[in-house]
Amino acid sequence: MAVAERRTSYSQSLERGLAILSAFAPGRPLLGISELGSRLPAYRTSMGKVLLAFLPDDARAAVLDATELVGRSPNTVTSRRGLEADLERVRETESRSTTRRWCTTCA
């Protein structure tokens, strides 16, 4: 579907605080990420934030404790408090999205 609609689709896995590109279907260019095995700090990618957000609390804390939050752009979150707030928003947003997808009688 992604290829038919000319969209980029990708999958990442999490390893030691790095988001690793593990599957890729090319479409429109995606911020220069196009090689399998590409590694970026998880806190700097949307998929990485999803992976971090849904780790068990102790595992997430361990990853973040070992991660230096370095800015790459003016929008990069570089404080632990700010990142934790972002991850909480990810969890809340996904929970609402999942409920809407599967609950046909929900208001």
N, C-alpha and C. Protein backbone atom coordinates (compact mmCIF):
# COMPACT_ATOMS: atom_id res chain seq x y z
N MET A 1 0.82 -1.19 0.00
CA MET A 1 0.00 0.00 0.00
C MET A 1 0.86 1.26 0.00
N ALA A 2 1.91 1.28 0.83
CA ALA A 2 2.77 2.45 0.88
C ALA A 2 3.39 2.73 -0.47
N VAL A 3 3.83 1.68 -1.17
CA VAL A 3 4.46 1.86 -2.47
C VAL A 3 3.43 2.35 -3.48
N ALA A 4 2.23 1.77 -3.49
CA ALA A 4 1.18 2.18 -4.43
C ALA A 4 0.81 3.64 -4.25
N GLU A 5 0.85 4.14 -3.03
CA GLU A 5 0.49 5.53 -2.76
C GLU A 5 1.71 6.45 -2.74
N ARG A 6 2.87 5.93 -3.10
CA ARG A 6 4.12 6.69 -3.14
C ARG A 6 4.46 7.29 -1.77
N ARG A 7 4.16 6.56 -0.73
CA ARG A 7 4.50 6.98 0.62
C ARG A 7 5.69 6.16 1.10
N THR A 8 6.47 6.77 1.94
CA THR A 8 7.56 6.03 2.56
C THR A 8 7.01 5.30 3.77
N SER A 9 7.35 4.05 3.89
CA SER A 9 6.95 3.27 5.04
C SER A 9 8.21 2.66 5.63
N TYR A 10 8.33 2.69 6.93
CA TYR A 10 9.50 2.11 7.54
C TYR A 10 9.19 1.57 8.92
N SER A 11 10.05 0.71 9.39
CA SER A 11 9.93 0.11 10.70
C SER A 11 11.27 0.26 11.40
N GLN A 12 11.19 0.54 12.69
CA GLN A 12 12.42 0.67 13.46
C GLN A 12 12.34 -0.24 14.67
N SER A 13 13.49 -0.64 15.14
CA SER A 13 13.58 -1.38 16.39
C SER A 13 14.44 -0.55 17.34
N LEU A 14 14.39 -0.88 18.60
CA LEU A 14 15.11 -0.12 19.62
C LEU A 14 16.22 -0.96 20.20
N GLU A 15 17.42 -0.40 20.22
CA GLU A 15 18.56 -1.10 20.81
C GLU A 15 19.45 -0.08 21.49
N ARG A 16 19.55 -0.18 22.81
CA ARG A 16 20.43 0.69 23.59
C ARG A 16 20.19 2.17 23.32
N GLY A 17 18.93 2.56 23.22
CA GLY A 17 18.60 3.96 23.01
C GLY A 17 18.68 4.43 21.57
N LEU A 18 18.99 3.52 20.66
CA LEU A 18 19.05 3.88 19.24
C LEU A 18 17.87 3.28 18.50
N ALA A 19 17.27 4.07 17.63
CA ALA A 19 16.23 3.57 16.74
C ALA A 19 16.94 3.07 15.49
N ILE A 20 16.74 1.80 15.17
CA ILE A 20 17.44 1.17 14.04
C ILE A 20 16.43 0.87 12.94
N LEU A 21 16.71 1.36 11.74
CA LEU A 21 15.82 1.11 10.61
C LEU A 21 15.90 -0.36 10.25
N SER A 22 14.77 -1.07 10.41
CA SER A 22 14.79 -2.52 10.18
C SER A 22 13.98 -2.96 8.97
N ALA A 23 13.14 -2.09 8.42
CA ALA A 23 12.38 -2.39 7.20
C ALA A 23 12.06 -1.06 6.53
N PHE A 24 12.01 -1.08 5.20
CA PHE A 24 11.88 0.17 4.47
C PHE A 24 11.19 -0.08 3.13
N ALA A 25 10.14 0.68 2.84
CA ALA A 25 9.49 0.66 1.53
C ALA A 25 9.57 2.08 0.99
N PRO A 26 10.38 2.32 -0.03
CA PRO A 26 10.62 3.69 -0.48
C PRO A 26 9.40 4.35 -1.12
N GLY A 27 9.32 5.62 -0.94
CA GLY A 27 8.29 6.47 -1.53
C GLY A 27 8.90 7.86 -1.62
N ARG A 28 8.28 8.81 -1.01
CA ARG A 28 8.88 10.14 -0.91
C ARG A 28 10.09 10.06 0.02
N PRO A 29 11.10 10.88 -0.22
CA PRO A 29 12.28 10.85 0.65
C PRO A 29 11.91 11.13 2.11
N LEU A 30 12.60 10.49 3.03
CA LEU A 30 12.31 10.62 4.45
C LEU A 30 13.55 11.10 5.19
N LEU A 31 13.76 12.38 5.24
CA LEU A 31 14.83 12.97 6.03
C LEU A 31 16.17 12.27 5.90
N GLY A 32 16.46 11.77 4.71
CA GLY A 32 17.76 11.15 4.48
C GLY A 32 17.93 9.77 5.09
N ILE A 33 16.86 9.21 5.64
CA ILE A 33 16.95 7.88 6.22
C ILE A 33 16.51 6.89 5.16
N SER A 34 17.44 6.15 4.60
CA SER A 34 17.05 5.24 3.53
C SER A 34 17.83 3.94 3.50
N GLU A 35 18.70 3.73 4.45
CA GLU A 35 19.49 2.50 4.45
C GLU A 35 19.14 1.64 5.64
N LEU A 36 18.88 0.37 5.37
CA LEU A 36 18.62 -0.55 6.47
C LEU A 36 19.80 -0.54 7.42
N GLY A 37 19.50 -0.59 8.68
CA GLY A 37 20.55 -0.55 9.69
C GLY A 37 20.93 0.85 10.13
N SER A 38 20.36 1.89 9.48
CA SER A 38 20.64 3.27 9.92
C SER A 38 20.25 3.40 11.39
N ARG A 39 21.08 4.10 12.14
CA ARG A 39 20.86 4.25 13.58
C ARG A 39 20.80 5.73 13.94
N LEU A 40 19.76 6.08 14.68
CA LEU A 40 19.60 7.44 15.19
C LEU A 40 19.17 7.36 16.64
N PRO A 41 19.55 8.34 17.45
CA PRO A 41 19.06 8.34 18.83
C PRO A 41 17.53 8.28 18.83
N ALA A 42 16.96 7.37 19.60
CA ALA A 42 15.52 7.16 19.60
C ALA A 42 14.76 8.43 19.97
N TYR A 43 15.29 9.24 20.88
CA TYR A 43 14.57 10.43 21.31
C TYR A 43 14.45 11.48 20.20
N ARG A 44 15.22 11.30 19.11
CA ARG A 44 15.18 12.27 18.01
C ARG A 44 14.31 11.84 16.84
N THR A 45 13.64 10.68 16.92
CA THR A 45 12.79 10.24 15.82
C THR A 45 11.38 9.97 16.36
N SER A 46 10.39 10.16 15.51
CA SER A 46 9.01 9.91 15.95
C SER A 46 8.81 8.44 16.31
N MET A 47 9.29 7.54 15.47
CA MET A 47 9.14 6.11 15.77
C MET A 47 9.94 5.74 17.02
N GLY A 48 11.11 6.32 17.17
CA GLY A 48 11.90 6.07 18.37
C GLY A 48 11.16 6.50 19.63
N LYS A 49 10.47 7.63 19.56
CA LYS A 49 9.69 8.10 20.72
C LYS A 49 8.55 7.14 21.02
N VAL A 50 7.93 6.58 20.00
CA VAL A 50 6.87 5.59 20.23
C VAL A 50 7.47 4.37 20.93
N LEU A 51 8.61 3.90 20.44
CA LEU A 51 9.26 2.74 21.07
C LEU A 51 9.62 3.03 22.52
N LEU A 52 10.17 4.20 22.78
CA LEU A 52 10.51 4.58 24.16
C LEU A 52 9.27 4.71 25.03
N ALA A 53 8.23 5.33 24.49
CA ALA A 53 7.03 5.61 25.27
C ALA A 53 6.39 4.34 25.83
N PHE A 54 6.47 3.26 25.07
CA PHE A 54 5.78 2.04 25.49
C PHE A 54 6.69 0.99 26.13
N LEU A 55 7.92 1.38 26.42
CA LEU A 55 8.77 0.49 27.22
C LEU A 55 8.22 0.46 28.65
N PRO A 56 8.45 -0.64 29.37
CA PRO A 56 8.11 -0.63 30.80
C PRO A 56 8.88 0.51 31.48
N ASP A 57 8.29 1.07 32.52
CA ASP A 57 8.87 2.24 33.19
C ASP A 57 10.34 2.07 33.55
N ASP A 58 10.70 0.92 34.12
CA ASP A 58 12.09 0.74 34.55
C ASP A 58 13.04 0.63 33.36
N ALA A 59 12.60 0.00 32.28
CA ALA A 59 13.43 -0.12 31.09
C ALA A 59 13.60 1.25 30.42
N ARG A 60 12.51 2.02 30.35
CA ARG A 60 12.58 3.36 29.77
C ARG A 60 13.52 4.24 30.60
N ALA A 61 13.41 4.17 31.91
CA ALA A 61 14.28 4.97 32.78
C ALA A 61 15.75 4.60 32.56
N ALA A 62 16.03 3.31 32.43
CA ALA A 62 17.41 2.87 32.20
C ALA A 62 17.95 3.41 30.88
N VAL A 63 17.14 3.37 29.82
CA VAL A 63 17.57 3.89 28.52
C VAL A 63 17.83 5.39 28.63
N LEU A 64 16.90 6.10 29.24
CA LEU A 64 17.05 7.56 29.32
C LEU A 64 18.20 7.95 30.24
N ASP A 65 18.43 7.19 31.30
CA ASP A 65 19.58 7.46 32.18
C ASP A 65 20.90 7.36 31.42
N ALA A 66 20.96 6.48 30.42
CA ALA A 66 22.19 6.26 29.67
C ALA A 66 22.27 7.11 28.40
N THR A 67 21.28 7.98 28.18
CA THR A 67 21.21 8.77 26.95
C THR A 67 21.53 10.23 27.21
N GLU A 68 22.49 10.75 26.46
CA GLU A 68 22.77 12.18 26.51
C GLU A 68 21.86 12.86 25.48
N LEU A 69 21.04 13.79 25.94
CA LEU A 69 20.08 14.47 25.06
C LEU A 69 20.76 15.66 24.40
N VAL A 70 21.19 15.47 23.17
CA VAL A 70 21.91 16.49 22.42
C VAL A 70 21.00 17.03 21.32
N GLY A 71 20.94 18.35 21.20
CA GLY A 71 20.11 18.96 20.17
C GLY A 71 20.69 18.77 18.78
N ARG A 72 19.84 18.44 17.84
CA ARG A 72 20.24 18.33 16.44
C ARG A 72 19.63 19.47 15.64
N SER A 73 18.47 19.94 16.11
CA SER A 73 17.77 21.05 15.47
C SER A 73 17.16 21.89 16.58
N PRO A 74 16.60 23.04 16.24
CA PRO A 74 15.95 23.86 17.28
C PRO A 74 14.76 23.15 17.94
N ASN A 75 14.22 22.14 17.29
CA ASN A 75 13.05 21.43 17.84
C ASN A 75 13.38 20.18 18.63
N THR A 76 14.66 19.81 18.68
CA THR A 76 15.04 18.61 19.43
C THR A 76 14.86 18.85 20.92
N VAL A 77 14.17 17.93 21.58
CA VAL A 77 13.99 18.03 23.02
C VAL A 77 15.30 17.63 23.69
N THR A 78 15.83 18.51 24.53
CA THR A 78 17.13 18.25 25.15
C THR A 78 17.06 18.19 26.68
N SER A 79 15.86 18.21 27.24
CA SER A 79 15.74 18.06 28.69
C SER A 79 14.98 16.78 29.00
N ARG A 80 15.37 16.12 30.07
CA ARG A 80 14.71 14.87 30.47
C ARG A 80 13.24 15.13 30.75
N ARG A 81 12.95 16.22 31.44
CA ARG A 81 11.56 16.55 31.76
C ARG A 81 10.73 16.75 30.48
N GLY A 82 11.29 17.47 29.52
CA GLY A 82 10.59 17.70 28.25
C GLY A 82 10.36 16.41 27.49
N LEU A 83 11.37 15.53 27.48
CA LEU A 83 11.24 14.26 26.78
C LEU A 83 10.20 13.38 27.45
N GLU A 84 10.22 13.32 28.78
CA GLU A 84 9.22 12.53 29.50
C GLU A 84 7.81 13.04 29.19
N ALA A 85 7.64 14.36 29.08
CA ALA A 85 6.33 14.93 28.73
C ALA A 85 5.93 14.52 27.31
N ASP A 86 6.89 14.54 26.38
CA ASP A 86 6.61 14.10 25.01
C ASP A 86 6.19 12.63 24.99
N LEU A 87 6.88 11.80 25.74
CA LEU A 87 6.57 10.38 25.75
C LEU A 87 5.20 10.11 26.37
N GLU A 88 4.83 10.89 27.37
CA GLU A 88 3.50 10.77 27.96
C GLU A 88 2.43 11.15 26.93
N ARG A 89 2.68 12.21 26.15
CA ARG A 89 1.73 12.60 25.09
C ARG A 89 1.60 11.50 24.05
N VAL A 90 2.71 10.85 23.72
CA VAL A 90 2.66 9.74 22.77
C VAL A 90 1.77 8.63 23.32
N ARG A 91 1.95 8.27 24.59
CA ARG A 91 1.14 7.20 25.19
C ARG A 91 -0.34 7.59 25.19
N GLU A 92 -0.65 8.81 25.56
CA GLU A 92 -2.05 9.27 25.59
C GLU A 92 -2.66 9.28 24.20
N THR A 93 -1.92 9.78 23.23
CA THR A 93 -2.43 9.86 21.86
C THR A 93 -2.68 8.48 21.30
N GLU A 94 -1.76 7.55 21.49
CA GLU A 94 -1.93 6.20 20.96
C GLU A 94 -3.08 5.49 21.65
N SER A 95 -3.25 5.70 22.94
CA SER A 95 -4.36 5.07 23.65
C SER A 95 -5.70 5.55 23.09
N ARG A 96 -5.82 6.85 22.85
CA ARG A 96 -7.06 7.38 22.27
C ARG A 96 -7.26 6.86 20.86
N SER A 97 -6.19 6.81 20.07
CA SER A 97 -6.28 6.35 18.69
C SER A 97 -6.70 4.89 18.64
N THR A 98 -6.13 4.06 19.47
CA THR A 98 -6.47 2.64 19.50
C THR A 98 -7.92 2.46 19.90
N THR A 99 -8.38 3.20 20.89
CA THR A 99 -9.78 3.10 21.32
C THR A 99 -10.71 3.46 20.18
N ARG A 100 -10.41 4.53 19.46
CA ARG A 100 -11.27 4.93 18.33
C ARG A 100 -11.28 3.89 17.22
N ARG A 101 -10.14 3.26 16.96
CA ARG A 101 -10.07 2.27 15.89
C ARG A 101 -10.91 1.03 16.21
N TRP A 102 -10.91 0.61 17.46
CA TRP A 102 -11.51 -0.67 17.81
C TRP A 102 -12.87 -0.55 18.49
N CYS A 103 -13.25 0.61 18.92
CA CYS A 103 -14.52 0.77 19.65
C CYS A 103 -15.50 1.53 18.77
N THR A 104 -16.42 0.83 18.13
CA THR A 104 -17.34 1.49 17.19
C THR A 104 -18.46 2.22 17.90
N THR A 105 -18.66 1.97 19.20
CA THR A 105 -19.74 2.65 19.92
C THR A 105 -19.22 3.74 20.83
N CYS A 106 -17.93 4.01 20.82
CA CYS A 106 -17.36 5.04 21.70
C CYS A 106 -17.74 6.43 21.22
N ALA A 107 -17.95 7.31 22.17
CA ALA A 107 -18.29 8.70 21.82
C ALA A 107 -17.06 9.46 21.41
